[in-house]
Amino acid sequence: MYYKNTRLEHLDGRQDLTPVWKYWNEHRKKIFGRAFHLTGGDMDAAEELMSATIIKVASHFEQRPLNMREPIAFFMYALKNEFISQYRKKRYEYQFRDGEKDVYDEHLANAEVEAAPQEVLLAQKEELALIGKTLERLPVIYQQIFSLKFAEDRSYSDISEELNISQALARKRVQFLREKLRDARKKKRRRFN
């Protein structure tokens, strides 16, 4: 399992990452177990950590020769470093978070307080109507996903079990749904501006 300065290059000068993917797939269960342990048993966080790790590993070897003595040790080290990096980033962001403030609180001046509830209610009704219209145009599966993810606040694993699809597909469909809803909001804003 020792590849020293293996040079399998593409025409554009990038390295061939086939051995990296082969090692990753061979040791995927062990790596996932470690990621699951590091994230405290959070399946979604473990999958995100693994995704970030393989992206960093692939980008590392894309411009360098493949030189791994012990692939499992290398992947575990990269996983640990990515976990530490994510932890530091979250800790840094947490410094600026005000725990007493709610994202949905309205910060209004006293003069606007009386007029605000009607304006806020109208804006919320318009937003809900827009979401409803957008959902009606989408296939039934996306309506079900919207209900499960945003109305019932279910996890990706629950959604995948409920709809009999993989977790990766559930994530992609939720991401697609979010993009459609964002696009609808952008179109609405452009009409009013």
C-alpha atoms as a PDB file:
ATOM      1  CA  MET A   1       0.000   0.000   0.000  1.00  0.00           C
ATOM      2  CA  TYR A   2       2.912   2.324  -0.449  1.00  0.00           C
ATOM      3  CA  TYR A   3       2.812   4.567  -3.473  1.00  0.00           C
ATOM      4  CA  LYS A   4       5.777   6.876  -3.685  1.00  0.00           C
ATOM      5  CA  ASN A   5       5.617   9.696  -6.195  1.00  0.00           C
ATOM      6  CA  THR A   6       3.134   7.922  -8.413  1.00  0.00           C
ATOM      7  CA  ARG A   7       2.520  10.183 -11.366  1.00  0.00           C
ATOM      8  CA  LEU A   8      -0.670   9.391 -13.201  1.00  0.00           C
ATOM      9  CA  GLU A   9      -1.458  12.716 -14.835  1.00  0.00           C
ATOM     10  CA  HIS A  10      -4.378  13.936 -16.872  1.00  0.00           C
ATOM     11  CA  LEU A  11      -3.740  15.959 -20.016  1.00  0.00           C
ATOM     12  CA  ASP A  12      -4.309  19.225 -18.121  1.00  0.00           C
ATOM     13  CA  GLY A  13      -1.591  18.394 -15.563  1.00  0.00           C
ATOM     14  CA  ARG A  14      -3.831  17.270 -12.704  1.00  0.00           C
ATOM     15  CA  GLN A  15      -3.024  14.038 -10.900  1.00  0.00           C
ATOM     16  CA  ASP A  16      -5.161  10.938 -11.338  1.00  0.00           C
ATOM     17  CA  LEU A  17      -7.039  10.488  -8.054  1.00  0.00           C
ATOM     18  CA  THR A  18      -8.185   6.912  -8.709  1.00  0.00           C
ATOM     19  CA  PRO A  19      -5.967   5.411  -5.955  1.00  0.00           C
ATOM     20  CA  VAL A  20      -7.255   8.003  -3.465  1.00  0.00           C
ATOM     21  CA  TRP A  21     -10.886   7.094  -4.222  1.00  0.00           C
ATOM     22  CA  LYS A  22     -10.005   3.396  -4.035  1.00  0.00           C
ATOM     23  CA  TYR A  23      -8.463   3.822  -0.577  1.00  0.00           C
ATOM     24  CA  TRP A  24     -11.339   6.035   0.551  1.00  0.00           C
ATOM     25  CA  ASN A  25     -13.908   3.412  -0.459  1.00  0.00           C
ATOM     26  CA  GLU A  26     -11.892   0.611   1.168  1.00  0.00           C
ATOM     27  CA  HIS A  27     -11.738   2.431   4.511  1.00  0.00           C
ATOM     28  CA  ARG A  28     -15.048   4.301   4.346  1.00  0.00           C
ATOM     29  CA  LYS A  29     -16.684   2.403   7.232  1.00  0.00           C
ATOM     30  CA  LYS A  30     -13.784   3.027   9.601  1.00  0.00           C
ATOM     31  CA  ILE A  31     -13.611   6.688   8.624  1.00  0.00           C
ATOM     32  CA  PHE A  32     -17.357   7.104   9.066  1.00  0.00           C
ATOM     33  CA  GLY A  33     -17.164   5.442  12.488  1.00  0.00           C
ATOM     34  CA  ARG A  34     -14.502   7.926  13.551  1.00  0.00           C
ATOM     35  CA  ALA A  35     -16.483  10.865  12.122  1.00  0.00           C
ATOM     36  CA  PHE A  36     -19.604   9.623  13.914  1.00  0.00           C
ATOM     37  CA  HIS A  37     -17.628   9.468  17.173  1.00  0.00           C
ATOM     38  CA  LEU A  38     -16.107  12.942  16.703  1.00  0.00           C
ATOM     39  CA  THR A  39     -19.506  14.526  16.041  1.00  0.00           C
ATOM     40  CA  GLY A  40     -21.047  12.981  19.131  1.00  0.00           C
ATOM     41  CA  GLY A  41     -23.301  10.589  17.244  1.00  0.00           C
ATOM     42  CA  ASP A  42     -24.804  13.155  14.863  1.00  0.00           C
ATOM     43  CA  MET A  43     -25.251  11.304  11.567  1.00  0.00           C
ATOM     44  CA  ASP A  44     -25.746  14.445   9.467  1.00  0.00           C
ATOM     45  CA  ALA A  45     -22.715  16.194  10.965  1.00  0.00           C
ATOM     46  CA  ALA A  46     -20.621  13.047  10.437  1.00  0.00           C
ATOM     47  CA  GLU A  47     -21.580  12.911   6.762  1.00  0.00           C
ATOM     48  CA  GLU A  48     -20.794  16.601   6.327  1.00  0.00           C
ATOM     49  CA  LEU A  49     -17.439  16.095   8.040  1.00  0.00           C
ATOM     50  CA  MET A  50     -16.619  13.185   5.721  1.00  0.00           C
ATOM     51  CA  SER A  51     -17.622  15.226   2.663  1.00  0.00           C
ATOM     52  CA  ALA A  52     -15.416  18.130   3.710  1.00  0.00           C
ATOM     53  CA  THR A  53     -12.546  15.731   4.439  1.00  0.00           C
ATOM     54  CA  ILE A  54     -12.584  13.968   1.069  1.00  0.00           C
ATOM     55  CA  ILE A  55     -12.783  17.306  -0.725  1.00  0.00           C
ATOM     56  CA  LYS A  56      -9.696  18.528   1.153  1.00  0.00           C
ATOM     57  CA  VAL A  57      -7.834  15.260   0.491  1.00  0.00           C
ATOM     58  CA  ALA A  58      -8.715  15.313  -3.209  1.00  0.00           C
ATOM     59  CA  SER A  59      -7.683  18.947  -3.593  1.00  0.00           C
ATOM     60  CA  HIS A  60      -4.431  18.183  -1.724  1.00  0.00           C
ATOM     61  CA  PHE A  61      -3.454  15.394  -4.121  1.00  0.00           C
ATOM     62  CA  GLU A  62      -4.760  17.060  -7.255  1.00  0.00           C
ATOM     63  CA  GLN A  63      -1.574  19.090  -7.742  1.00  0.00           C
ATOM     64  CA  ARG A  64       0.864  16.848  -5.840  1.00  0.00           C
ATOM     65  CA  PRO A  65       2.189  13.363  -6.417  1.00  0.00           C
ATOM     66  CA  LEU A  66       0.380  10.634  -4.532  1.00  0.00           C
ATOM     67  CA  ASN A  67       2.548   9.726  -1.554  1.00  0.00           C
ATOM     68  CA  MET A  68       0.671   7.781   1.144  1.00  0.00           C
ATOM     69  CA  ARG A  69       2.363   5.135   3.270  1.00  0.00           C
ATOM     70  CA  GLU A  70      -0.707   4.271   5.337  1.00  0.00           C
ATOM     71  CA  PRO A  71      -3.915   5.467   3.656  1.00  0.00           C
ATOM     72  CA  ILE A  72      -6.153   4.824   6.680  1.00  0.00           C
ATOM     73  CA  ALA A  73      -3.825   6.808   8.948  1.00  0.00           C
ATOM     74  CA  PHE A  74      -3.689   9.632   6.412  1.00  0.00           C
ATOM     75  CA  PHE A  75      -7.493   9.769   6.122  1.00  0.00           C
ATOM     76  CA  MET A  76      -7.944   9.665   9.904  1.00  0.00           C
ATOM     77  CA  TYR A  77      -5.436  12.484  10.318  1.00  0.00           C
ATOM     78  CA  ALA A  78      -7.183  14.544   7.622  1.00  0.00           C
ATOM     79  CA  LEU A  79     -10.561  13.844   9.264  1.00  0.00           C
ATOM     80  CA  LYS A  80      -9.272  14.978  12.659  1.00  0.00           C
ATOM     81  CA  ASN A  81      -7.788  18.148  11.161  1.00  0.00           C
ATOM     82  CA  GLU A  82     -11.037  18.968   9.361  1.00  0.00           C
ATOM     83  CA  PHE A  83     -13.011  18.391  12.562  1.00  0.00           C
ATOM     84  CA  ILE A  84     -10.700  20.742  14.474  1.00  0.00           C
ATOM     85  CA  SER A  85     -10.975  23.307  11.692  1.00  0.00           C
ATOM     86  CA  GLN A  86     -14.785  23.161  11.763  1.00  0.00           C
ATOM     87  CA  TYR A  87     -14.794  23.338  15.564  1.00  0.00           C
ATOM     88  CA  ARG A  88     -12.610  26.451  15.559  1.00  0.00           C
ATOM     89  CA  LYS A  89     -14.789  28.080  12.930  1.00  0.00           C
ATOM     90  CA  LYS A  90     -17.959  27.390  14.930  1.00  0.00           C
ATOM     91  CA  ARG A  91     -16.342  28.626  18.130  1.00  0.00           C
ATOM     92  CA  TYR A  92     -15.233  31.826  16.375  1.00  0.00           C
ATOM     93  CA  GLU A  93     -18.730  32.408  14.975  1.00  0.00           C
ATOM     94  CA  TYR A  94     -20.256  31.732  18.381  1.00  0.00           C
ATOM     95  CA  GLN A  95     -18.362  34.711  19.821  1.00  0.00           C
ATOM     96  CA  PHE A  96     -20.502  37.040  17.734  1.00  0.00           C
ATOM     97  CA  ARG A  97     -23.814  35.373  18.481  1.00  0.00           C
ATOM     98  CA  ASP A  98     -26.116  37.068  20.945  1.00  0.00           C
ATOM     99  CA  GLY A  99     -27.980  34.289  22.758  1.00  0.00           C
ATOM    100  CA  GLU A 100     -30.756  36.594  23.931  1.00  0.00           C
ATOM    101  CA  LYS A 101     -31.673  37.750  20.424  1.00  0.00           C
ATOM    102  CA  ASP A 102     -33.984  35.748  18.219  1.00  0.00           C
ATOM    103  CA  VAL A 103     -33.493  35.735  14.473  1.00  0.00           C
ATOM    104  CA  TYR A 104     -37.186  36.368  13.953  1.00  0.00           C
ATOM    105  CA  ASP A 105     -37.466  39.286  16.394  1.00  0.00           C
ATOM    106  CA  GLU A 106     -38.394  42.573  14.838  1.00  0.00           C
ATOM    107  CA  HIS A 107     -36.133  45.416  15.881  1.00  0.00           C
ATOM    108  CA  LEU A 108     -38.352  48.424  15.383  1.00  0.00           C
ATOM    109  CA  ALA A 109     -38.281  51.960  16.634  1.00  0.00           C
ATOM    110  CA  ASN A 110     -41.070  52.918  19.065  1.00  0.00           C
ATOM    111  CA  ALA A 111     -42.831  55.054  16.432  1.00  0.00           C
ATOM    112  CA  GLU A 112     -43.153  52.073  14.083  1.00  0.00           C
ATOM    113  CA  VAL A 113     -44.417  49.606  16.694  1.00  0.00           C
ATOM    114  CA  GLU A 114     -48.119  50.386  16.174  1.00  0.00           C
ATOM    115  CA  ALA A 115     -48.043  50.055  12.372  1.00  0.00           C
ATOM    116  CA  ALA A 116     -45.690  47.095  12.274  1.00  0.00           C
ATOM    117  CA  PRO A 117     -47.996  44.160  13.152  1.00  0.00           C
ATOM    118  CA  GLN A 118     -50.262  44.750  10.143  1.00  0.00           C
ATOM    119  CA  GLU A 119     -47.322  45.184   7.790  1.00  0.00           C
ATOM    120  CA  VAL A 120     -45.605  42.111   9.188  1.00  0.00           C
ATOM    121  CA  LEU A 121     -48.793  40.044   8.935  1.00  0.00           C
ATOM    122  CA  LEU A 122     -49.327  41.170   5.346  1.00  0.00           C
ATOM    123  CA  ALA A 123     -45.728  40.314   4.430  1.00  0.00           C
ATOM    124  CA  GLN A 124     -46.058  36.902   6.099  1.00  0.00           C
ATOM    125  CA  LYS A 125     -49.325  36.183   4.268  1.00  0.00           C
ATOM    126  CA  GLU A 126     -47.738  37.133   0.953  1.00  0.00           C
ATOM    127  CA  GLU A 127     -44.725  34.944   1.727  1.00  0.00           C
ATOM    128  CA  LEU A 128     -46.947  31.963   2.602  1.00  0.00           C
ATOM    129  CA  ALA A 129     -49.017  32.485  -0.545  1.00  0.00           C
ATOM    130  CA  LEU A 130     -45.830  32.563  -2.622  1.00  0.00           C
ATOM    131  CA  ILE A 131     -44.582  29.354  -0.986  1.00  0.00           C
ATOM    132  CA  GLY A 132     -47.963  27.712  -1.593  1.00  0.00           C
ATOM    133  CA  LYS A 133     -48.000  28.691  -5.283  1.00  0.00           C
ATOM    134  CA  THR A 134     -44.421  27.540  -5.755  1.00  0.00           C
ATOM    135  CA  LEU A 135     -45.150  24.188  -4.089  1.00  0.00           C
ATOM    136  CA  GLU A 136     -48.259  23.641  -6.227  1.00  0.00           C
ATOM    137  CA  ARG A 137     -46.113  23.865  -9.361  1.00  0.00           C
ATOM    138  CA  LEU A 138     -43.653  21.250  -8.077  1.00  0.00           C
ATOM    139  CA  PRO A 139     -44.154  17.461  -8.205  1.00  0.00           C
ATOM    140  CA  VAL A 140     -45.902  15.766  -5.277  1.00  0.00           C
ATOM    141  CA  ILE A 141     -42.627  14.328  -3.928  1.00  0.00           C
ATOM    142  CA  TYR A 142     -41.313  17.843  -3.272  1.00  0.00           C
ATOM    143  CA  GLN A 143     -44.552  18.788  -1.532  1.00  0.00           C
ATOM    144  CA  GLN A 144     -44.113  15.756   0.726  1.00  0.00           C
ATOM    145  CA  ILE A 145     -40.485  16.671   1.386  1.00  0.00           C
ATOM    146  CA  PHE A 146     -41.502  20.244   2.247  1.00  0.00           C
ATOM    147  CA  SER A 147     -44.067  18.940   4.705  1.00  0.00           C
ATOM    148  CA  LEU A 148     -41.627  16.509   6.330  1.00  0.00           C
ATOM    149  CA  LYS A 149     -38.601  18.818   6.503  1.00  0.00           C
ATOM    150  CA  PHE A 150     -40.105  22.226   7.218  1.00  0.00           C
ATOM    151  CA  ALA A 151     -43.551  21.592   8.715  1.00  0.00           C
ATOM    152  CA  GLU A 152     -42.695  18.523  10.819  1.00  0.00           C
ATOM    153  CA  ASP A 153     -38.962  19.358  11.204  1.00  0.00           C
ATOM    154  CA  ARG A 154     -37.902  15.764  10.516  1.00  0.00           C
ATOM    155  CA  SER A 155     -34.291  14.675   9.976  1.00  0.00           C
ATOM    156  CA  TYR A 156     -32.874  13.485   6.667  1.00  0.00           C
ATOM    157  CA  SER A 157     -32.854   9.895   7.913  1.00  0.00           C
ATOM    158  CA  ASP A 158     -36.573  10.130   8.796  1.00  0.00           C
ATOM    159  CA  ILE A 159     -37.350  11.635   5.391  1.00  0.00           C
ATOM    160  CA  SER A 160     -35.395   8.917   3.584  1.00  0.00           C
ATOM    161  CA  GLU A 161     -37.208   6.176   5.514  1.00  0.00           C
ATOM    162  CA  GLU A 162     -40.618   7.787   5.001  1.00  0.00           C
ATOM    163  CA  LEU A 163     -40.155   8.231   1.241  1.00  0.00           C
ATOM    164  CA  ASN A 164     -38.039   5.088   0.751  1.00  0.00           C
ATOM    165  CA  ILE A 165     -35.088   6.970  -0.766  1.00  0.00           C
ATOM    166  CA  SER A 166     -31.439   7.328   0.233  1.00  0.00           C
ATOM    167  CA  GLN A 167     -30.340  10.065   2.624  1.00  0.00           C
ATOM    168  CA  ALA A 168     -28.154  11.594  -0.069  1.00  0.00           C
ATOM    169  CA  LEU A 169     -31.143  11.849  -2.402  1.00  0.00           C
ATOM    170  CA  ALA A 170     -33.252  13.337   0.398  1.00  0.00           C
ATOM    171  CA  ARG A 171     -30.567  15.990   0.964  1.00  0.00           C
ATOM    172  CA  LYS A 172     -30.397  16.807  -2.737  1.00  0.00           C
ATOM    173  CA  ARG A 173     -34.155  17.113  -2.993  1.00  0.00           C
ATOM    174  CA  VAL A 174     -34.323  19.404   0.051  1.00  0.00           C
ATOM    175  CA  GLN A 175     -31.539  21.493  -1.470  1.00  0.00           C
ATOM    176  CA  PHE A 176     -33.420  21.637  -4.791  1.00  0.00           C
ATOM    177  CA  LEU A 177     -36.596  22.657  -2.953  1.00  0.00           C
ATOM    178  CA  ARG A 178     -34.762  25.443  -1.115  1.00  0.00           C
ATOM    179  CA  GLU A 179     -33.327  26.706  -4.407  1.00  0.00           C
ATOM    180  CA  LYS A 180     -36.782  26.770  -6.016  1.00  0.00           C
ATOM    181  CA  LEU A 181     -38.230  28.709  -3.073  1.00  0.00           C
ATOM    182  CA  ARG A 182     -35.311  31.178  -3.130  1.00  0.00           C
ATOM    183  CA  ASP A 183     -35.727  31.675  -6.872  1.00  0.00           C
ATOM    184  CA  ALA A 184     -39.429  32.390  -6.398  1.00  0.00           C
ATOM    185  CA  ARG A 185     -38.619  34.996  -3.723  1.00  0.00           C
ATOM    186  CA  LYS A 186     -36.004  36.630  -5.968  1.00  0.00           C
ATOM    187  CA  LYS A 187     -38.472  36.832  -8.870  1.00  0.00           C
ATOM    188  CA  LYS A 188     -41.055  38.399  -6.581  1.00  0.00           C
ATOM    189  CA  ARG A 189     -38.564  40.993  -5.333  1.00  0.00           C
ATOM    190  CA  ARG A 190     -37.544  41.872  -8.903  1.00  0.00           C
ATOM    191  CA  ARG A 191     -41.191  42.484  -9.818  1.00  0.00           C
ATOM    192  CA  PHE A 192     -41.618  44.963  -6.971  1.00  0.00           C
ATOM    193  CA  ASN A 193     -38.310  46.781  -7.532  1.00  0.00           C
END
